[in-house]
Amino acid sequence: KFVPPVFDLLTENGFLNIGMKELTLMNKEIKRL
């Protein structure tokens, strides 16, 4: 019933999900150090 987004950021294996995983790894490494 609702129109789609102009660009869907939540596509599986999209660049956003990959990029956020990389940020998460950096955050974990900073916390570990």
PDB file of all heavy atoms in Angstrom:
ATOM      1  N   LYS A   1       0.814  -1.222   0.000  1.00  0.00           N
ATOM      2  CA  LYS A   1       0.000   0.000   0.000  1.00  0.00           C
ATOM      3  C   LYS A   1       0.847   1.272   0.000  1.00  0.00           C
ATOM      4  O   LYS A   1       0.373   2.339  -0.383  1.00  0.00           O
ATOM      5  CB  LYS A   1      -0.970   0.033   1.189  1.00  0.00           C
ATOM      6  CG  LYS A   1      -2.164   0.982   0.990  1.00  0.00           C
ATOM      7  CD  LYS A   1      -3.087   0.955   2.210  1.00  0.00           C
ATOM      8  CE  LYS A   1      -4.308   1.825   1.992  1.00  0.00           C
ATOM      9  NZ  LYS A   1      -5.282   1.219   1.079  1.00  0.00           N
ATOM     10  N   PHE A   2       2.109   1.199   0.418  1.00  0.00           N
ATOM     11  CA  PHE A   2       2.951   2.384   0.516  1.00  0.00           C
ATOM     12  C   PHE A   2       3.980   2.429  -0.620  1.00  0.00           C
ATOM     13  O   PHE A   2       4.540   1.396  -1.008  1.00  0.00           O
ATOM     14  CB  PHE A   2       3.700   2.396   1.856  1.00  0.00           C
ATOM     15  CG  PHE A   2       2.787   2.484   3.049  1.00  0.00           C
ATOM     16  CD1 PHE A   2       2.445   1.345   3.762  1.00  0.00           C
ATOM     17  CD2 PHE A   2       2.268   3.704   3.452  1.00  0.00           C
ATOM     18  CE1 PHE A   2       1.593   1.418   4.858  1.00  0.00           C
ATOM     19  CE2 PHE A   2       1.424   3.796   4.547  1.00  0.00           C
ATOM     20  CZ  PHE A   2       1.088   2.645   5.257  1.00  0.00           C
ATOM     21  N   VAL A   3       4.245   3.639  -1.123  1.00  0.00           N
ATOM     22  CA  VAL A   3       5.247   3.777  -2.186  1.00  0.00           C
ATOM     23  C   VAL A   3       6.625   3.426  -1.636  1.00  0.00           C
ATOM     24  O   VAL A   3       6.882   3.597  -0.435  1.00  0.00           O
ATOM     25  CB  VAL A   3       5.246   5.202  -2.777  1.00  0.00           C
ATOM     26  CG1 VAL A   3       3.883   5.560  -3.319  1.00  0.00           C
ATOM     27  CG2 VAL A   3       5.707   6.235  -1.749  1.00  0.00           C
ATOM     28  N   PRO A   4       7.528   2.930  -2.464  1.00  0.00           N
ATOM     29  CA  PRO A   4       8.861   2.544  -2.000  1.00  0.00           C
ATOM     30  C   PRO A   4       9.740   3.761  -1.763  1.00  0.00           C
ATOM     31  O   PRO A   4       9.416   4.883  -2.169  1.00  0.00           O
ATOM     32  CB  PRO A   4       9.390   1.710  -3.171  1.00  0.00           C
ATOM     33  CG  PRO A   4       8.706   2.294  -4.369  1.00  0.00           C
ATOM     34  CD  PRO A   4       7.327   2.680  -3.902  1.00  0.00           C
ATOM     35  N   PRO A   5      10.876   3.563  -1.102  1.00  0.00           N
ATOM     36  CA  PRO A   5      11.828   4.667  -0.940  1.00  0.00           C
ATOM     37  C   PRO A   5      12.445   5.049  -2.277  1.00  0.00           C
ATOM     38  O   PRO A   5      12.428   4.255  -3.232  1.00  0.00           O
ATOM     39  CB  PRO A   5      12.882   4.095   0.018  1.00  0.00           C
ATOM     40  CG  PRO A   5      12.810   2.614  -0.184  1.00  0.00           C
ATOM     41  CD  PRO A   5      11.366   2.318  -0.481  1.00  0.00           C
ATOM     42  N   VAL A   6      12.982   6.256  -2.356  1.00  0.00           N
ATOM     43  CA  VAL A   6      13.680   6.693  -3.569  1.00  0.00           C
ATOM     44  C   VAL A   6      14.883   5.783  -3.808  1.00  0.00           C
ATOM     45  O   VAL A   6      15.205   5.433  -4.944  1.00  0.00           O
ATOM     46  CB  VAL A   6      14.116   8.168  -3.434  1.00  0.00           C
ATOM     47  CG1 VAL A   6      14.943   8.609  -4.638  1.00  0.00           C
ATOM     48  CG2 VAL A   6      12.882   9.061  -3.285  1.00  0.00           C
ATOM     49  N   PHE A   7      15.546   5.388  -2.720  1.00  0.00           N
ATOM     50  CA  PHE A   7      16.607   4.383  -2.793  1.00  0.00           C
ATOM     51  C   PHE A   7      16.500   3.524  -1.553  1.00  0.00           C
ATOM     52  O   PHE A   7      16.398   4.046  -0.438  1.00  0.00           O
ATOM     53  CB  PHE A   7      17.992   5.037  -2.856  1.00  0.00           C
ATOM     54  CG  PHE A   7      19.124   4.046  -2.804  1.00  0.00           C
ATOM     55  CD1 PHE A   7      19.430   3.272  -3.910  1.00  0.00           C
ATOM     56  CD2 PHE A   7      19.858   3.857  -1.638  1.00  0.00           C
ATOM     57  CE1 PHE A   7      20.445   2.331  -3.860  1.00  0.00           C
ATOM     58  CE2 PHE A   7      20.884   2.923  -1.584  1.00  0.00           C
ATOM     59  CZ  PHE A   7      21.178   2.156  -2.704  1.00  0.00           C
ATOM     60  N   ASP A   8      16.514   2.204  -1.708  1.00  0.00           N
ATOM     61  CA  ASP A   8      16.363   1.292  -0.586  1.00  0.00           C
ATOM     62  C   ASP A   8      17.732   0.959   0.011  1.00  0.00           C
ATOM     63  O   ASP A   8      18.510   0.211  -0.570  1.00  0.00           O
ATOM     64  CB  ASP A   8      15.657   0.014  -1.031  1.00  0.00           C
ATOM     65  CG  ASP A   8      15.238  -0.852   0.156  1.00  0.00           C
ATOM     66  OD1 ASP A   8      15.657  -0.543   1.295  1.00  0.00           O
ATOM     67  OD2 ASP A   8      14.492  -1.824  -0.049  1.00  0.00           O
ATOM     68  N   LEU A   9      17.977   1.517   1.195  1.00  0.00           N
ATOM     69  CA  LEU A   9      19.258   1.296   1.862  1.00  0.00           C
ATOM     70  C   LEU A   9      19.354  -0.073   2.523  1.00  0.00           C
ATOM     71  O   LEU A   9      20.444  -0.502   2.900  1.00  0.00           O
ATOM     72  CB  LEU A   9      19.471   2.374   2.939  1.00  0.00           C
ATOM     73  CG  LEU A   9      19.750   3.789   2.444  1.00  0.00           C
ATOM     74  CD1 LEU A   9      19.635   4.775   3.604  1.00  0.00           C
ATOM     75  CD2 LEU A   9      21.132   3.876   1.824  1.00  0.00           C
ATOM     76  N   LEU A  10      18.226  -0.746   2.686  1.00  0.00           N
ATOM     77  CA  LEU A  10      18.206  -1.977   3.470  1.00  0.00           C
ATOM     78  C   LEU A  10      18.318  -3.240   2.635  1.00  0.00           C
ATOM     79  O   LEU A  10      18.062  -4.322   3.142  1.00  0.00           O
ATOM     80  CB  LEU A  10      16.925  -2.031   4.313  1.00  0.00           C
ATOM     81  CG  LEU A  10      16.733  -0.886   5.309  1.00  0.00           C
ATOM     82  CD1 LEU A  10      15.461  -1.104   6.120  1.00  0.00           C
ATOM     83  CD2 LEU A  10      17.934  -0.761   6.232  1.00  0.00           C
ATOM     84  N   THR A  11      18.698  -3.118   1.370  1.00  0.00           N
ATOM     85  CA  THR A  11      18.851  -4.314   0.552  1.00  0.00           C
ATOM     86  C   THR A  11      19.913  -5.225   1.143  1.00  0.00           C
ATOM     87  O   THR A  11      20.968  -4.776   1.606  1.00  0.00           O
ATOM     88  CB  THR A  11      19.251  -3.954  -0.894  1.00  0.00           C
ATOM     89  OG1 THR A  11      20.378  -3.074  -0.854  1.00  0.00           O
ATOM     90  CG2 THR A  11      18.105  -3.270  -1.606  1.00  0.00           C
ATOM     91  N   GLU A  12      19.626  -6.515   1.122  1.00  0.00           N
ATOM     92  CA  GLU A  12      20.543  -7.494   1.710  1.00  0.00           C
ATOM     93  C   GLU A  12      21.888  -7.473   0.977  1.00  0.00           C
ATOM     94  O   GLU A  12      21.944  -7.421  -0.249  1.00  0.00           O
ATOM     95  CB  GLU A  12      19.930  -8.893   1.630  1.00  0.00           C
ATOM     96  CG  GLU A  12      20.706  -9.937   2.407  1.00  0.00           C
ATOM     97  CD  GLU A  12      20.015 -11.285   2.401  1.00  0.00           C
ATOM     98  OE1 GLU A  12      18.892 -11.383   1.852  1.00  0.00           O
ATOM     99  OE2 GLU A  12      20.593 -12.229   2.936  1.00  0.00           O
ATOM    100  N   ASN A  13      22.958  -7.481   1.749  1.00  0.00           N
ATOM    101  CA  ASN A  13      24.324  -7.419   1.216  1.00  0.00           C
ATOM    102  C   ASN A  13      24.596  -6.125   0.458  1.00  0.00           C
ATOM    103  O   ASN A  13      25.519  -6.056  -0.358  1.00  0.00           O
ATOM    104  CB  ASN A  13      24.609  -8.623   0.303  1.00  0.00           C
ATOM    105  CG  ASN A  13      24.551  -9.936   1.054  1.00  0.00           C
ATOM    106  OD1 ASN A  13      24.998 -10.018   2.196  1.00  0.00           O
ATOM    107  ND2 ASN A  13      23.983 -10.954   0.439  1.00  0.00           N
ATOM    108  N   GLY A  14      23.795  -5.091   0.733  1.00  0.00           N
ATOM    109  CA  GLY A  14      24.037  -3.793   0.138  1.00  0.00           C
ATOM    110  C   GLY A  14      25.239  -3.114   0.771  1.00  0.00           C
ATOM    111  O   GLY A  14      25.725  -3.530   1.836  1.00  0.00           O
ATOM    112  N   PHE A  15      25.702  -2.038   0.144  1.00  0.00           N
ATOM    113  CA  PHE A  15      26.927  -1.385   0.638  1.00  0.00           C
ATOM    114  C   PHE A  15      26.743  -0.826   2.042  1.00  0.00           C
ATOM    115  O   PHE A  15      27.692  -0.766   2.815  1.00  0.00           O
ATOM    116  CB  PHE A  15      27.357  -0.286  -0.334  1.00  0.00           C
ATOM    117  CG  PHE A  15      26.514   0.963  -0.302  1.00  0.00           C
ATOM    118  CD1 PHE A  15      26.756   1.971   0.616  1.00  0.00           C
ATOM    119  CD2 PHE A  15      25.462   1.122  -1.202  1.00  0.00           C
ATOM    120  CE1 PHE A  15      25.983   3.118   0.635  1.00  0.00           C
ATOM    121  CE2 PHE A  15      24.690   2.264  -1.180  1.00  0.00           C
ATOM    122  CZ  PHE A  15      24.941   3.258  -0.255  1.00  0.00           C
ATOM    123  N   LEU A  16      25.514  -0.427   2.418  1.00  0.00           N
ATOM    124  CA  LEU A  16      25.304   0.123   3.757  1.00  0.00           C
ATOM    125  C   LEU A  16      25.509  -0.939   4.819  1.00  0.00           C
ATOM    126  O   LEU A  16      26.203  -0.695   5.825  1.00  0.00           O
ATOM    127  CB  LEU A  16      23.900   0.721   3.876  1.00  0.00           C
ATOM    128  CG  LEU A  16      23.564   1.312   5.259  1.00  0.00           C
ATOM    129  CD1 LEU A  16      24.523   2.441   5.616  1.00  0.00           C
ATOM    130  CD2 LEU A  16      22.131   1.793   5.320  1.00  0.00           C
ATOM    131  N   ASN A  17      24.928  -2.109   4.616  1.00  0.00           N
ATOM    132  CA  ASN A  17      25.095  -3.181   5.595  1.00  0.00           C
ATOM    133  C   ASN A  17      26.554  -3.586   5.731  1.00  0.00           C
ATOM    134  O   ASN A  17      27.053  -3.812   6.838  1.00  0.00           O
ATOM    135  CB  ASN A  17      24.255  -4.400   5.197  1.00  0.00           C
ATOM    136  CG  ASN A  17      22.779  -4.183   5.434  1.00  0.00           C
ATOM    137  OD1 ASN A  17      22.395  -3.378   6.283  1.00  0.00           O
ATOM    138  ND2 ASN A  17      21.934  -4.882   4.694  1.00  0.00           N
ATOM    139  N   ILE A  18      27.242  -3.657   4.598  1.00  0.00           N
ATOM    140  CA  ILE A  18      28.676  -4.014   4.633  1.00  0.00           C
ATOM    141  C   ILE A  18      29.464  -2.927   5.353  1.00  0.00           C
ATOM    142  O   ILE A  18      30.325  -3.207   6.198  1.00  0.00           O
ATOM    143  CB  ILE A  18      29.208  -4.210   3.198  1.00  0.00           C
ATOM    144  CG1 ILE A  18      28.537  -5.423   2.547  1.00  0.00           C
ATOM    145  CG2 ILE A  18      30.722  -4.373   3.198  1.00  0.00           C
ATOM    146  CD1 ILE A  18      28.828  -5.587   1.073  1.00  0.00           C
ATOM    147  N   GLY A  19      29.165  -1.662   5.030  1.00  0.00           N
ATOM    148  CA  GLY A  19      29.864  -0.550   5.662  1.00  0.00           C
ATOM    149  C   GLY A  19      29.613  -0.467   7.150  1.00  0.00           C
ATOM    150  O   GLY A  19      30.531  -0.154   7.932  1.00  0.00           O
ATOM    151  N   MET A  20      28.397  -0.751   7.581  1.00  0.00           N
ATOM    152  CA  MET A  20      28.080  -0.718   9.005  1.00  0.00           C
ATOM    153  C   MET A  20      28.777  -1.846   9.756  1.00  0.00           C
ATOM    154  O   MET A  20      29.198  -1.676  10.914  1.00  0.00           O
ATOM    155  CB  MET A  20      26.565  -0.804   9.208  1.00  0.00           C
ATOM    156  CG  MET A  20      25.796   0.418   8.715  1.00  0.00           C
ATOM    157  SD  MET A  20      26.358   1.973   9.483  1.00  0.00           S
ATOM    158  CE  MET A  20      25.894   1.693  11.189  1.00  0.00           C
ATOM    159  N   LYS A  21      28.920  -2.997   9.114  1.00  0.00           N
ATOM    160  CA  LYS A  21      29.651  -4.105   9.740  1.00  0.00           C
ATOM    161  C   LYS A  21      31.122  -3.728   9.948  1.00  0.00           C
ATOM    162  O   LYS A  21      31.722  -4.060  10.977  1.00  0.00           O
ATOM    163  CB  LYS A  21      29.544  -5.361   8.873  1.00  0.00           C
ATOM    164  CG  LYS A  21      28.168  -6.008   8.902  1.00  0.00           C
ATOM    165  CD  LYS A  21      28.100  -7.209   7.965  1.00  0.00           C
ATOM    166  CE  LYS A  21      26.699  -7.814   7.969  1.00  0.00           C
ATOM    167  NZ  LYS A  21      26.594  -8.957   7.007  1.00  0.00           N
ATOM    168  N   GLU A  22      31.685  -3.026   8.977  1.00  0.00           N
ATOM    169  CA  GLU A  22      33.076  -2.579   9.103  1.00  0.00           C
ATOM    170  C   GLU A  22      33.221  -1.581  10.244  1.00  0.00           C
ATOM    171  O   GLU A  22      34.201  -1.625  11.004  1.00  0.00           O
ATOM    172  CB  GLU A  22      33.539  -1.961   7.779  1.00  0.00           C
ATOM    173  CG  GLU A  22      33.671  -2.984   6.652  1.00  0.00           C
ATOM    174  CD  GLU A  22      33.944  -2.331   5.304  1.00  0.00           C
ATOM    175  OE1 GLU A  22      33.907  -1.089   5.229  1.00  0.00           O
ATOM    176  OE2 GLU A  22      34.200  -3.073   4.331  1.00  0.00           O
ATOM    177  N   LEU A  23      32.263  -0.676  10.400  1.00  0.00           N
ATOM    178  CA  LEU A  23      32.283   0.276  11.516  1.00  0.00           C
ATOM    179  C   LEU A  23      32.171  -0.450  12.855  1.00  0.00           C
ATOM    180  O   LEU A  23      32.848  -0.095  13.831  1.00  0.00           O
ATOM    181  CB  LEU A  23      31.143   1.278  11.377  1.00  0.00           C
ATOM    182  CG  LEU A  23      31.329   2.415  10.379  1.00  0.00           C
ATOM    183  CD1 LEU A  23      30.056   3.251  10.294  1.00  0.00           C
ATOM    184  CD2 LEU A  23      32.506   3.309  10.785  1.00  0.00           C
ATOM    185  N   THR A  24      31.330  -1.474  12.896  1.00  0.00           N
ATOM    186  CA  THR A  24      31.162  -2.251  14.124  1.00  0.00           C
ATOM    187  C   THR A  24      32.466  -2.928  14.525  1.00  0.00           C
ATOM    188  O   THR A  24      32.843  -2.944  15.707  1.00  0.00           O
ATOM    189  CB  THR A  24      30.058  -3.308  13.941  1.00  0.00           C
ATOM    190  OG1 THR A  24      28.823  -2.646  13.656  1.00  0.00           O
ATOM    191  CG2 THR A  24      29.893  -4.158  15.196  1.00  0.00           C
ATOM    192  N   LEU A  25      33.179  -3.479  13.538  1.00  0.00           N
ATOM    193  CA  LEU A  25      34.466  -4.125  13.818  1.00  0.00           C
ATOM    194  C   LEU A  25      35.481  -3.117  14.362  1.00  0.00           C
ATOM    195  O   LEU A  25      36.246  -3.425  15.283  1.00  0.00           O
ATOM    196  CB  LEU A  25      35.006  -4.799  12.554  1.00  0.00           C
ATOM    197  CG  LEU A  25      34.239  -6.041  12.063  1.00  0.00           C
ATOM    198  CD1 LEU A  25      34.818  -6.529  10.737  1.00  0.00           C
ATOM    199  CD2 LEU A  25      34.317  -7.157  13.111  1.00  0.00           C
ATOM    200  N   MET A  26      35.497  -1.909  13.784  1.00  0.00           N
ATOM    201  CA  MET A  26      36.400  -0.867  14.278  1.00  0.00           C
ATOM    202  C   MET A  26      36.066  -0.485  15.716  1.00  0.00           C
ATOM    203  O   MET A  26      36.960  -0.317  16.558  1.00  0.00           O
ATOM    204  CB  MET A  26      36.313   0.371  13.378  1.00  0.00           C
ATOM    205  CG  MET A  26      36.879   0.181  11.987  1.00  0.00           C
ATOM    206  SD  MET A  26      36.755   1.728  11.026  1.00  0.00           S
ATOM    207  CE  MET A  26      36.711   1.064   9.364  1.00  0.00           C
ATOM    208  N   ASN A  27      34.793  -0.348  16.006  1.00  0.00           N
ATOM    209  CA  ASN A  27      34.370  -0.004  17.363  1.00  0.00           C
ATOM    210  C   ASN A  27      34.778  -1.073  18.363  1.00  0.00           C
ATOM    211  O   ASN A  27      35.224  -0.760  19.475  1.00  0.00           O
ATOM    212  CB  ASN A  27      32.849   0.188  17.412  1.00  0.00           C
ATOM    213  CG  ASN A  27      32.406   1.476  16.737  1.00  0.00           C
ATOM    214  OD1 ASN A  27      33.146   2.447  16.687  1.00  0.00           O
ATOM    215  ND2 ASN A  27      31.189   1.482  16.217  1.00  0.00           N
ATOM    216  N   LYS A  28      34.612  -2.334  17.976  1.00  0.00           N
ATOM    217  CA  LYS A  28      35.005  -3.432  18.858  1.00  0.00           C
ATOM    218  C   LYS A  28      36.509  -3.450  19.105  1.00  0.00           C
ATOM    219  O   LYS A  28      36.967  -3.696  20.229  1.00  0.00           O
ATOM    220  CB  LYS A  28      34.564  -4.773  18.254  1.00  0.00           C
ATOM    221  CG  LYS A  28      33.056  -5.012  18.319  1.00  0.00           C
ATOM    222  CD  LYS A  28      32.695  -6.367  17.732  1.00  0.00           C
ATOM    223  CE  LYS A  28      31.192  -6.628  17.855  1.00  0.00           C
ATOM    224  NZ  LYS A  28      30.825  -7.952  17.255  1.00  0.00           N
ATOM    225  N   GLU A  29      37.283  -3.163  18.052  1.00  0.00           N
ATOM    226  CA  GLU A  29      38.732  -3.155  18.197  1.00  0.00           C
ATOM    227  C   GLU A  29      39.185  -1.997  19.084  1.00  0.00           C
ATOM    228  O   GLU A  29      40.088  -2.157  19.921  1.00  0.00           O
ATOM    229  CB  GLU A  29      39.394  -3.066  16.825  1.00  0.00           C
ATOM    230  CG  GLU A  29      40.922  -3.069  16.837  1.00  0.00           C
ATOM    231  CD  GLU A  29      41.524  -4.336  17.428  1.00  0.00           C
ATOM    232  OE1 GLU A  29      40.785  -5.311  17.657  1.00  0.00           O
ATOM    233  OE2 GLU A  29      42.746  -4.331  17.661  1.00  0.00           O
ATOM    234  N   ILE A  30      38.566  -0.835  18.924  1.00  0.00           N
ATOM    235  CA  ILE A  30      38.890   0.313  19.783  1.00  0.00           C
ATOM    236  C   ILE A  30      38.582  -0.020  21.232  1.00  0.00           C
ATOM    237  O   ILE A  30      39.388   0.273  22.139  1.00  0.00           O
ATOM    238  CB  ILE A  30      38.102   1.563  19.328  1.00  0.00           C
ATOM    239  CG1 ILE A  30      38.646   2.067  17.985  1.00  0.00           C
ATOM    240  CG2 ILE A  30      38.186   2.680  20.379  1.00  0.00           C
ATOM    241  CD1 ILE A  30      37.803   3.156  17.351  1.00  0.00           C
ATOM    242  N   LYS A  31      37.440  -0.634  21.487  1.00  0.00           N
ATOM    243  CA  LYS A  31      37.062  -1.007  22.854  1.00  0.00           C
ATOM    244  C   LYS A  31      38.030  -2.030  23.428  1.00  0.00           C
ATOM    245  O   LYS A  31      38.429  -1.953  24.612  1.00  0.00           O
ATOM    246  CB  LYS A  31      35.644  -1.581  22.869  1.00  0.00           C
ATOM    247  CG  LYS A  31      35.116  -1.888  24.267  1.00  0.00           C
ATOM    248  CD  LYS A  31      33.698  -2.412  24.221  1.00  0.00           C
ATOM    249  CE  LYS A  31      33.146  -2.622  25.635  1.00  0.00           C
ATOM    250  NZ  LYS A  31      33.959  -3.548  26.441  1.00  0.00           N
ATOM    251  N   ARG A  32      38.447  -2.989  22.594  1.00  0.00           N
ATOM    252  CA  ARG A  32      39.387  -4.012  23.072  1.00  0.00           C
ATOM    253  C   ARG A  32      40.712  -3.376  23.479  1.00  0.00           C
ATOM    254  O   ARG A  32      41.280  -3.706  24.538  1.00  0.00           O
ATOM    255  CB  ARG A  32      39.621  -5.056  21.970  1.00  0.00           C
ATOM    256  CG  ARG A  32      40.472  -6.249  22.415  1.00  0.00           C
ATOM    257  CD  ARG A  32      40.835  -7.126  21.237  1.00  0.00           C
ATOM    258  NE  ARG A  32      41.811  -6.476  20.361  1.00  0.00           N
ATOM    259  CZ  ARG A  32      43.137  -6.432  20.620  1.00  0.00           C
ATOM    260  NH1 ARG A  32      43.636  -6.972  21.726  1.00  0.00           N
ATOM    261  NH2 ARG A  32      43.948  -5.838  19.755  1.00  0.00           N
ATOM    262  N   LEU A  33      41.227  -2.467  22.649  1.00  0.00           N
ATOM    263  CA  LEU A  33      42.494  -1.804  22.949  1.00  0.00           C
ATOM    264  C   LEU A  33      42.391  -0.930  24.200  1.00  0.00           C
ATOM    265  O   LEU A  33      43.339  -0.837  24.982  1.00  0.00           O
ATOM    266  CB  LEU A  33      42.944  -0.964  21.751  1.00  0.00           C
ATOM    267  CG  LEU A  33      43.338  -1.765  20.496  1.00  0.00           C
ATOM    268  CD1 LEU A  33      43.542  -0.821  19.314  1.00  0.00           C
ATOM    269  CD2 LEU A  33      44.601  -2.574  20.755  1.00  0.00           C
TER     270      LEU A  33
END
